[in-house]
Amino acid sequence: MTQRLNYTAIAPAGTRARRGVQGYIAESGLPSSLVNLVYLRVSQINGCAYCIDMHSRDLIKEGLVVEKLVLVQAWREAGSLFDTRERSALAWTEIVTRVANTAVPDADFQVASAMFSEKELADLTTAIGLTNVYNRLAIGFRVPPKAALSEHQDQVVANMRSPTPTGDQEIQS
């Protein structure tokens, strides 16, 4: 796969804006492990190889066991492997990511609202929306996953994920 264009270099103001939202999510109070599960699940739904690869690596670095990682896509059948908040976040992620098909029913909102505070739910939904943006950029411009890159290509993509002013990496999912 050949990358079509480097959108972070071509539209730096947009990149800074996305990084600002990402920084907000990182400081929102939501556990990073929960946010990263959500980022991965959105990317799985959208079929974004670059983002699936990146978020899987991020979760492993955070200490997520491989047995849990490989079952994110099938979390409903994973028994108690995912805790109640993770299950609720993953369900909300699926409903919101598939908004064109689901219209986000009241019943699903009520279930999520019972698990998360209003602020947590707003921040979680912002994280879902941001990841959907990154997925569309990565898929639309054919950003290759790290696992599929040569050493030179790996450096090009690494430059796209340069640290933000706060030291956080851009999600690009």
N, C-alpha and C. Protein backbone atom coordinates (compact mmCIF):
# COMPACT_ATOMS: atom_id res chain seq x y z
N MET A 1 0.85 -1.17 0.00
CA MET A 1 0.00 0.00 0.00
C MET A 1 0.90 1.24 0.00
N THR A 2 0.58 2.17 -0.87
CA THR A 2 1.33 3.41 -0.95
C THR A 2 0.52 4.54 -0.34
N GLN A 3 1.16 5.26 0.57
CA GLN A 3 0.48 6.38 1.20
C GLN A 3 0.20 7.46 0.17
N ARG A 4 -1.03 7.96 0.18
CA ARG A 4 -1.45 8.94 -0.82
C ARG A 4 -0.90 10.34 -0.52
N LEU A 5 -0.94 10.75 0.72
CA LEU A 5 -0.36 12.03 1.10
C LEU A 5 -0.15 12.07 2.60
N ASN A 6 0.73 12.96 3.04
CA ASN A 6 1.04 13.13 4.46
C ASN A 6 0.20 14.29 4.97
N TYR A 7 -1.00 13.98 5.44
CA TYR A 7 -1.94 15.03 5.84
C TYR A 7 -1.45 15.85 7.03
N THR A 8 -0.60 15.28 7.88
CA THR A 8 -0.11 16.04 9.03
C THR A 8 0.81 17.17 8.58
N ALA A 9 1.58 16.95 7.53
CA ALA A 9 2.47 17.98 7.01
C ALA A 9 1.72 18.98 6.14
N ILE A 10 0.74 18.50 5.39
CA ILE A 10 0.01 19.35 4.46
C ILE A 10 -0.96 20.29 5.18
N ALA A 11 -1.53 19.82 6.30
CA ALA A 11 -2.51 20.61 7.04
C ALA A 11 -2.11 20.67 8.52
N PRO A 12 -1.03 21.38 8.83
CA PRO A 12 -0.53 21.39 10.21
C PRO A 12 -1.50 21.98 11.23
N ALA A 13 -2.32 22.94 10.83
CA ALA A 13 -3.29 23.51 11.77
C ALA A 13 -4.32 22.46 12.18
N GLY A 14 -4.75 21.65 11.24
CA GLY A 14 -5.67 20.56 11.55
C GLY A 14 -5.03 19.54 12.47
N THR A 15 -3.77 19.25 12.23
CA THR A 15 -3.03 18.32 13.08
C THR A 15 -2.94 18.86 14.50
N ARG A 16 -2.64 20.15 14.65
CA ARG A 16 -2.58 20.75 15.98
C ARG A 16 -3.94 20.70 16.68
N ALA A 17 -5.00 20.93 15.93
CA ALA A 17 -6.35 20.89 16.51
C ALA A 17 -6.68 19.48 17.01
N ARG A 18 -6.39 18.47 16.20
CA ARG A 18 -6.65 17.09 16.62
C ARG A 18 -5.81 16.74 17.84
N ARG A 19 -4.56 17.16 17.85
CA ARG A 19 -3.69 16.90 19.00
C ARG A 19 -4.22 17.60 20.25
N GLY A 20 -4.81 18.76 20.08
CA GLY A 20 -5.41 19.47 21.21
C GLY A 20 -6.55 18.67 21.82
N VAL A 21 -7.39 18.11 20.97
CA VAL A 21 -8.50 17.28 21.46
C VAL A 21 -7.94 16.02 22.11
N GLN A 22 -6.94 15.43 21.50
CA GLN A 22 -6.30 14.24 22.07
C GLN A 22 -5.72 14.55 23.44
N GLY A 23 -5.07 15.71 23.58
CA GLY A 23 -4.52 16.12 24.86
C GLY A 23 -5.61 16.30 25.90
N TYR A 24 -6.74 16.86 25.49
CA TYR A 24 -7.88 17.00 26.39
C TYR A 24 -8.34 15.64 26.90
N ILE A 25 -8.47 14.68 26.00
CA ILE A 25 -8.91 13.33 26.39
C ILE A 25 -7.91 12.72 27.37
N ALA A 26 -6.62 12.90 27.10
CA ALA A 26 -5.59 12.34 27.98
C ALA A 26 -5.67 12.93 29.39
N GLU A 27 -6.14 14.16 29.50
CA GLU A 27 -6.25 14.83 30.80
C GLU A 27 -7.66 14.77 31.37
N SER A 28 -8.56 14.07 30.72
CA SER A 28 -9.98 14.09 31.09
C SER A 28 -10.31 13.35 32.39
N GLY A 29 -9.43 12.49 32.82
CA GLY A 29 -9.71 11.68 33.99
C GLY A 29 -10.14 10.27 33.66
N LEU A 30 -10.46 10.01 32.40
CA LEU A 30 -10.77 8.64 32.00
C LEU A 30 -9.47 7.83 32.03
N PRO A 31 -9.51 6.60 32.52
CA PRO A 31 -8.29 5.79 32.53
C PRO A 31 -7.76 5.57 31.11
N SER A 32 -6.45 5.72 30.94
CA SER A 32 -5.88 5.58 29.60
C SER A 32 -6.12 4.18 29.04
N SER A 33 -6.14 3.17 29.89
CA SER A 33 -6.40 1.81 29.40
C SER A 33 -7.80 1.70 28.81
N LEU A 34 -8.77 2.37 29.41
CA LEU A 34 -10.14 2.36 28.90
C LEU A 34 -10.20 3.13 27.58
N VAL A 35 -9.59 4.29 27.54
CA VAL A 35 -9.58 5.10 26.33
C VAL A 35 -8.91 4.33 25.19
N ASN A 36 -7.80 3.67 25.47
CA ASN A 36 -7.11 2.92 24.42
C ASN A 36 -7.91 1.72 23.94
N LEU A 37 -8.68 1.08 24.82
CA LEU A 37 -9.59 0.02 24.37
C LEU A 37 -10.62 0.59 23.40
N VAL A 38 -11.14 1.76 23.73
CA VAL A 38 -12.12 2.42 22.87
C VAL A 38 -11.49 2.77 21.53
N TYR A 39 -10.28 3.35 21.55
CA TYR A 39 -9.60 3.68 20.29
C TYR A 39 -9.44 2.42 19.43
N LEU A 40 -9.05 1.32 20.05
CA LEU A 40 -8.86 0.09 19.30
C LEU A 40 -10.18 -0.41 18.73
N ARG A 41 -11.24 -0.39 19.54
CA ARG A 41 -12.52 -0.93 19.06
C ARG A 41 -13.08 -0.10 17.91
N VAL A 42 -12.99 1.23 17.99
CA VAL A 42 -13.43 2.08 16.88
C VAL A 42 -12.66 1.70 15.62
N SER A 43 -11.36 1.56 15.76
CA SER A 43 -10.51 1.25 14.61
C SER A 43 -10.81 -0.12 14.03
N GLN A 44 -11.15 -1.09 14.88
CA GLN A 44 -11.56 -2.41 14.39
C GLN A 44 -12.85 -2.30 13.58
N ILE A 45 -13.82 -1.58 14.10
CA ILE A 45 -15.10 -1.42 13.41
C ILE A 45 -14.89 -0.79 12.03
N ASN A 46 -14.04 0.23 11.99
CA ASN A 46 -13.80 0.95 10.74
C ASN A 46 -12.79 0.27 9.82
N GLY A 47 -12.11 -0.76 10.30
CA GLY A 47 -11.15 -1.47 9.47
C GLY A 47 -9.89 -0.68 9.18
N CYS A 48 -9.43 0.11 10.14
CA CYS A 48 -8.24 0.93 9.95
C CYS A 48 -7.00 0.16 10.42
N ALA A 49 -6.28 -0.43 9.47
CA ALA A 49 -5.12 -1.26 9.81
C ALA A 49 -4.05 -0.47 10.55
N TYR A 50 -3.78 0.75 10.10
CA TYR A 50 -2.77 1.58 10.77
C TYR A 50 -3.13 1.77 12.24
N CYS A 51 -4.37 2.11 12.52
CA CYS A 51 -4.80 2.42 13.88
C CYS A 51 -4.92 1.15 14.74
N ILE A 52 -5.39 0.06 14.16
CA ILE A 52 -5.45 -1.20 14.90
C ILE A 52 -4.05 -1.59 15.35
N ASP A 53 -3.11 -1.52 14.43
CA ASP A 53 -1.72 -1.84 14.73
C ASP A 53 -1.19 -0.94 15.85
N MET A 54 -1.39 0.36 15.72
CA MET A 54 -0.87 1.31 16.70
C MET A 54 -1.50 1.13 18.07
N HIS A 55 -2.82 1.04 18.13
CA HIS A 55 -3.49 0.93 19.43
C HIS A 55 -3.25 -0.41 20.09
N SER A 56 -3.09 -1.46 19.30
CA SER A 56 -2.72 -2.76 19.88
C SER A 56 -1.36 -2.66 20.54
N ARG A 57 -0.42 -2.04 19.86
CA ARG A 57 0.92 -1.85 20.42
C ARG A 57 0.87 -1.00 21.69
N ASP A 58 0.06 0.08 21.66
CA ASP A 58 -0.08 0.94 22.84
C ASP A 58 -0.64 0.18 24.03
N LEU A 59 -1.65 -0.65 23.79
CA LEU A 59 -2.25 -1.43 24.87
C LEU A 59 -1.26 -2.45 25.44
N ILE A 60 -0.49 -3.07 24.58
CA ILE A 60 0.53 -4.02 25.05
C ILE A 60 1.56 -3.30 25.91
N LYS A 61 1.99 -2.11 25.47
CA LYS A 61 2.94 -1.31 26.25
C LYS A 61 2.37 -0.96 27.62
N GLU A 62 1.05 -0.75 27.69
CA GLU A 62 0.39 -0.44 28.96
C GLU A 62 0.23 -1.67 29.84
N GLY A 63 0.53 -2.84 29.31
CA GLY A 63 0.45 -4.06 30.10
C GLY A 63 -0.78 -4.92 29.86
N LEU A 64 -1.57 -4.60 28.85
CA LEU A 64 -2.73 -5.43 28.54
C LEU A 64 -2.25 -6.80 28.09
N VAL A 65 -2.80 -7.85 28.66
CA VAL A 65 -2.38 -9.20 28.29
C VAL A 65 -2.92 -9.55 26.91
N VAL A 66 -2.15 -10.34 26.19
CA VAL A 66 -2.51 -10.69 24.81
C VAL A 66 -3.86 -11.39 24.77
N GLU A 67 -4.16 -12.22 25.76
CA GLU A 67 -5.44 -12.93 25.78
C GLU A 67 -6.62 -11.97 25.75
N LYS A 68 -6.49 -10.84 26.41
CA LYS A 68 -7.55 -9.84 26.41
C LYS A 68 -7.53 -9.03 25.11
N LEU A 69 -6.36 -8.69 24.64
CA LEU A 69 -6.22 -7.91 23.41
C LEU A 69 -6.89 -8.61 22.23
N VAL A 70 -6.66 -9.89 22.08
CA VAL A 70 -7.20 -10.59 20.91
C VAL A 70 -8.71 -10.77 20.99
N LEU A 71 -9.29 -10.53 22.16
CA LEU A 71 -10.74 -10.68 22.29
C LEU A 71 -11.50 -9.36 22.33
N VAL A 72 -10.82 -8.25 22.09
CA VAL A 72 -11.52 -6.96 22.08
C VAL A 72 -12.66 -6.98 21.07
N GLN A 73 -12.41 -7.49 19.89
CA GLN A 73 -13.44 -7.51 18.85
C GLN A 73 -14.63 -8.40 19.24
N ALA A 74 -14.39 -9.39 20.07
CA ALA A 74 -15.45 -10.31 20.50
C ALA A 74 -15.71 -10.18 22.00
N TRP A 75 -15.62 -8.96 22.52
CA TRP A 75 -15.72 -8.73 23.96
C TRP A 75 -17.01 -9.27 24.57
N ARG A 76 -18.09 -9.30 23.82
CA ARG A 76 -19.37 -9.79 24.37
C ARG A 76 -19.29 -11.28 24.73
N GLU A 77 -18.43 -12.03 24.04
CA GLU A 77 -18.30 -13.46 24.31
C GLU A 77 -17.13 -13.77 25.24
N ALA A 78 -16.47 -12.76 25.78
CA ALA A 78 -15.25 -12.96 26.57
C ALA A 78 -15.50 -13.13 28.06
N GLY A 79 -16.74 -13.37 28.44
CA GLY A 79 -17.04 -13.59 29.85
C GLY A 79 -16.63 -12.42 30.71
N SER A 80 -15.98 -12.71 31.82
CA SER A 80 -15.60 -11.66 32.77
C SER A 80 -14.22 -11.06 32.48
N LEU A 81 -13.66 -11.37 31.33
CA LEU A 81 -12.35 -10.83 30.98
C LEU A 81 -12.36 -9.30 30.95
N PHE A 82 -13.48 -8.72 30.52
CA PHE A 82 -13.66 -7.27 30.51
C PHE A 82 -14.56 -6.89 31.68
N ASP A 83 -14.13 -5.87 32.43
CA ASP A 83 -14.94 -5.46 33.58
C ASP A 83 -16.18 -4.68 33.12
N THR A 84 -17.03 -4.33 34.06
CA THR A 84 -18.31 -3.71 33.74
C THR A 84 -18.14 -2.38 33.02
N ARG A 85 -17.22 -1.55 33.47
CA ARG A 85 -17.00 -0.26 32.80
C ARG A 85 -16.44 -0.46 31.39
N GLU A 86 -15.53 -1.39 31.22
CA GLU A 86 -14.99 -1.67 29.88
C GLU A 86 -16.10 -2.16 28.95
N ARG A 87 -16.94 -3.05 29.44
CA ARG A 87 -18.03 -3.58 28.63
C ARG A 87 -19.00 -2.46 28.23
N SER A 88 -19.30 -1.59 29.17
CA SER A 88 -20.19 -0.47 28.88
C SER A 88 -19.56 0.49 27.88
N ALA A 89 -18.27 0.78 28.05
CA ALA A 89 -17.57 1.67 27.11
C ALA A 89 -17.51 1.05 25.72
N LEU A 90 -17.25 -0.24 25.63
CA LEU A 90 -17.18 -0.90 24.33
C LEU A 90 -18.55 -0.93 23.65
N ALA A 91 -19.60 -1.16 24.42
CA ALA A 91 -20.95 -1.14 23.85
C ALA A 91 -21.29 0.26 23.33
N TRP A 92 -20.98 1.29 24.12
CA TRP A 92 -21.24 2.67 23.70
C TRP A 92 -20.41 3.01 22.46
N THR A 93 -19.19 2.54 22.43
CA THR A 93 -18.30 2.76 21.28
C THR A 93 -18.93 2.21 20.00
N GLU A 94 -19.45 1.00 20.09
CA GLU A 94 -20.05 0.38 18.91
C GLU A 94 -21.30 1.13 18.44
N ILE A 95 -22.15 1.52 19.38
CA ILE A 95 -23.39 2.23 19.03
C ILE A 95 -23.08 3.58 18.40
N VAL A 96 -22.14 4.33 18.99
CA VAL A 96 -21.83 5.67 18.49
C VAL A 96 -21.06 5.60 17.18
N THR A 97 -20.14 4.66 17.04
CA THR A 97 -19.37 4.54 15.80
C THR A 97 -20.28 4.16 14.63
N ARG A 98 -21.28 3.38 14.90
CA ARG A 98 -22.22 2.94 13.85
C ARG A 98 -23.47 3.82 13.82
N VAL A 99 -23.33 5.09 14.13
CA VAL A 99 -24.45 6.01 14.28
C VAL A 99 -25.39 6.01 13.07
N ALA A 100 -24.87 5.87 11.88
CA ALA A 100 -25.73 5.89 10.69
C ALA A 100 -26.72 4.72 10.69
N ASN A 101 -26.32 3.62 11.32
CA ASN A 101 -27.19 2.44 11.37
C ASN A 101 -28.00 2.36 12.67
N THR A 102 -27.48 2.94 13.75
CA THR A 102 -28.11 2.76 15.06
C THR A 102 -28.96 3.94 15.51
N ALA A 103 -28.61 5.14 15.09
CA ALA A 103 -29.24 6.38 15.56
C ALA A 103 -29.10 6.54 17.08
N VAL A 104 -28.23 5.78 17.71
CA VAL A 104 -27.95 5.82 19.15
C VAL A 104 -29.25 5.83 19.96
N PRO A 105 -29.84 4.64 20.13
CA PRO A 105 -31.13 4.54 20.83
C PRO A 105 -31.07 5.03 22.28
N ASP A 106 -32.21 5.52 22.76
CA ASP A 106 -32.33 5.99 24.15
C ASP A 106 -31.91 4.91 25.15
N ALA A 107 -32.29 3.68 24.88
CA ALA A 107 -31.97 2.59 25.82
C ALA A 107 -30.45 2.43 25.98
N ASP A 108 -29.71 2.57 24.90
CA ASP A 108 -28.25 2.46 24.96
C ASP A 108 -27.65 3.66 25.70
N PHE A 109 -28.21 4.83 25.47
CA PHE A 109 -27.76 6.01 26.20
C PHE A 109 -28.00 5.84 27.70
N GLN A 110 -29.15 5.31 28.06
CA GLN A 110 -29.48 5.12 29.48
C GLN A 110 -28.51 4.13 30.14
N VAL A 111 -28.17 3.06 29.44
CA VAL A 111 -27.22 2.08 29.98
C VAL A 111 -25.85 2.74 30.19
N ALA A 112 -25.39 3.49 29.20
CA ALA A 112 -24.09 4.16 29.32
C ALA A 112 -24.13 5.23 30.42
N SER A 113 -25.23 5.94 30.52
CA SER A 113 -25.38 6.98 31.54
C SER A 113 -25.40 6.41 32.95
N ALA A 114 -25.83 5.19 33.08
CA ALA A 114 -25.85 4.55 34.40
C ALA A 114 -24.43 4.16 34.84
N MET A 115 -23.53 4.01 33.90
CA MET A 115 -22.16 3.58 34.20
C MET A 115 -21.20 4.75 34.31
N PHE A 116 -21.41 5.80 33.51
CA PHE A 116 -20.49 6.93 33.45
C PHE A 116 -21.18 8.21 33.86
N SER A 117 -20.42 9.12 34.48
CA SER A 117 -20.96 10.45 34.78
C SER A 117 -21.20 11.17 33.46
N GLU A 118 -21.92 12.29 33.52
CA GLU A 118 -22.17 13.05 32.29
C GLU A 118 -20.87 13.49 31.65
N LYS A 119 -19.92 13.96 32.45
CA LYS A 119 -18.63 14.40 31.90
C LYS A 119 -17.87 13.23 31.30
N GLU A 120 -17.85 12.11 32.01
CA GLU A 120 -17.16 10.93 31.48
C GLU A 120 -17.77 10.49 30.15
N LEU A 121 -19.08 10.50 30.07
CA LEU A 121 -19.75 10.07 28.84
C LEU A 121 -19.48 11.07 27.70
N ALA A 122 -19.47 12.35 28.02
CA ALA A 122 -19.13 13.35 27.00
C ALA A 122 -17.69 13.16 26.52
N ASP A 123 -16.77 12.93 27.47
CA ASP A 123 -15.36 12.73 27.10
C ASP A 123 -15.16 11.44 26.33
N LEU A 124 -15.83 10.38 26.74
CA LEU A 124 -15.75 9.10 26.05
C LEU A 124 -16.26 9.25 24.61
N THR A 125 -17.36 9.96 24.45
CA THR A 125 -17.93 10.16 23.12
C THR A 125 -17.02 11.04 22.26
N THR A 126 -16.36 12.00 22.88
CA THR A 126 -15.37 12.82 22.16
C THR A 126 -14.22 11.94 21.68
N ALA A 127 -13.75 11.03 22.53
CA ALA A 127 -12.67 10.11 22.14
C ALA A 127 -13.11 9.22 20.98
N ILE A 128 -14.34 8.76 21.02
CA ILE A 128 -14.88 7.94 19.93
C ILE A 128 -14.91 8.75 18.63
N GLY A 129 -15.43 9.96 18.71
CA GLY A 129 -15.50 10.82 17.53
C GLY A 129 -14.13 11.14 16.96
N LEU A 130 -13.17 11.45 17.84
CA LEU A 130 -11.82 11.76 17.40
C LEU A 130 -11.20 10.56 16.68
N THR A 131 -11.39 9.38 17.22
CA THR A 131 -10.83 8.19 16.59
C THR A 131 -11.46 7.94 15.23
N ASN A 132 -12.75 8.19 15.12
CA ASN A 132 -13.40 8.07 13.81
C ASN A 132 -12.79 9.04 12.81
N VAL A 133 -12.44 10.25 13.24
CA VAL A 133 -11.77 11.21 12.36
C VAL A 133 -10.42 10.66 11.92
N TYR A 134 -9.62 10.20 12.89
CA TYR A 134 -8.31 9.66 12.55
C TYR A 134 -8.41 8.45 11.62
N ASN A 135 -9.40 7.59 11.86
CA ASN A 135 -9.58 6.43 10.98
C ASN A 135 -9.84 6.86 9.55
N ARG A 136 -10.67 7.86 9.38
CA ARG A 136 -11.00 8.30 8.03
C ARG A 136 -9.79 8.93 7.34
N LEU A 137 -8.97 9.63 8.10
CA LEU A 137 -7.75 10.19 7.53
C LEU A 137 -6.77 9.07 7.15
N ALA A 138 -6.55 8.14 8.06
CA ALA A 138 -5.58 7.06 7.80
C ALA A 138 -6.04 6.15 6.67
N ILE A 139 -7.31 5.82 6.63
CA ILE A 139 -7.83 4.97 5.55
C ILE A 139 -7.87 5.74 4.23
N GLY A 140 -8.39 6.96 4.28
CA GLY A 140 -8.53 7.76 3.07
C GLY A 140 -7.21 8.08 2.39
N PHE A 141 -6.17 8.28 3.21
CA PHE A 141 -4.87 8.62 2.65
C PHE A 141 -3.89 7.45 2.68
N ARG A 142 -4.41 6.25 2.99
CA ARG A 142 -3.66 4.99 2.91
C ARG A 142 -2.38 5.01 3.76
N VAL A 143 -2.51 5.37 5.03
CA VAL A 143 -1.35 5.33 5.93
C VAL A 143 -1.12 3.86 6.28
N PRO A 144 0.04 3.31 5.93
CA PRO A 144 0.28 1.88 6.16
C PRO A 144 0.55 1.58 7.63
N PRO A 145 0.14 0.40 8.10
CA PRO A 145 0.43 0.02 9.48
C PRO A 145 1.93 -0.20 9.68
N LYS A 146 2.39 0.06 10.89
CA LYS A 146 3.81 -0.07 11.19
C LYS A 146 4.32 -1.48 10.84
N ALA A 147 3.52 -2.48 11.10
CA ALA A 147 3.93 -3.86 10.85
C ALA A 147 4.25 -4.12 9.37
N ALA A 148 3.72 -3.30 8.48
CA ALA A 148 3.90 -3.51 7.04
C ALA A 148 4.95 -2.60 6.42
N LEU A 149 5.68 -1.86 7.24
CA LEU A 149 6.60 -0.86 6.72
C LEU A 149 8.03 -1.34 6.61
N SER A 150 8.74 -0.78 5.64
CA SER A 150 10.19 -0.94 5.59
C SER A 150 10.77 0.03 6.62
N GLU A 151 12.05 -0.04 6.89
CA GLU A 151 12.69 0.85 7.86
C GLU A 151 12.50 2.32 7.47
N HIS A 152 12.66 2.65 6.19
CA HIS A 152 12.50 4.03 5.73
C HIS A 152 11.06 4.50 5.92
N GLN A 153 10.11 3.68 5.50
CA GLN A 153 8.71 4.04 5.65
C GLN A 153 8.34 4.18 7.12
N ASP A 154 8.91 3.34 7.97
CA ASP A 154 8.66 3.39 9.40
C ASP A 154 9.04 4.76 9.97
N GLN A 155 10.16 5.31 9.50
CA GLN A 155 10.60 6.63 9.97
C GLN A 155 9.65 7.72 9.50
N VAL A 156 9.13 7.62 8.29
CA VAL A 156 8.18 8.61 7.77
C VAL A 156 6.94 8.63 8.65
N VAL A 157 6.39 7.45 8.96
CA VAL A 157 5.20 7.39 9.80
C VAL A 157 5.52 7.83 11.23
N ALA A 158 6.69 7.49 11.73
CA ALA A 158 7.09 7.93 13.08
C ALA A 158 7.10 9.45 13.14
N ASN A 159 7.54 10.10 12.08
CA ASN A 159 7.54 11.56 12.05
C ASN A 159 6.12 12.11 12.09
N MET A 160 5.16 11.38 11.54
CA MET A 160 3.75 11.81 11.59
C MET A 160 3.22 11.72 13.01
N ARG A 161 3.80 10.87 13.84
CA ARG A 161 3.34 10.68 15.22
C ARG A 161 4.24 11.43 16.20
N SER A 162 4.87 12.49 15.75
CA SER A 162 5.79 13.21 16.62
C SER A 162 5.08 13.66 17.88
N PRO A 163 5.83 13.76 19.00
CA PRO A 163 5.21 14.15 20.27
C PRO A 163 4.55 15.52 20.18
N THR A 164 3.45 15.65 20.91
CA THR A 164 2.78 16.93 21.03
C THR A 164 3.53 17.77 22.04
N PRO A 165 3.20 19.04 22.18
CA PRO A 165 3.90 19.88 23.14
C PRO A 165 3.83 19.34 24.57
N THR A 166 2.82 18.54 24.91
CA THR A 166 2.72 17.98 26.25
C THR A 166 3.40 16.63 26.35
N GLY A 167 3.98 16.16 25.26
CA GLY A 167 4.68 14.88 25.27
C GLY A 167 3.82 13.72 24.84
N ASP A 168 2.54 13.95 24.61
CA ASP A 168 1.65 12.88 24.16
C ASP A 168 1.81 12.68 22.67
N GLN A 169 1.57 11.46 22.21
CA GLN A 169 1.65 11.20 20.78
C GLN A 169 0.30 11.42 20.15
N GLU A 170 0.32 11.84 18.90
CA GLU A 170 -0.92 11.99 18.17
C GLU A 170 -1.49 10.60 17.93
N ILE A 171 -2.78 10.47 18.07
CA ILE A 171 -3.45 9.19 17.91
C ILE A 171 -3.38 8.72 16.48
N GLN A 172 -3.73 9.56 15.54
CA GLN A 172 -3.83 9.24 14.13
C GLN A 172 -4.62 7.97 13.91
N SER A 173 -5.75 7.88 14.54
CA SER A 173 -6.59 6.72 14.31
C SER A 173 -7.83 7.09 13.61
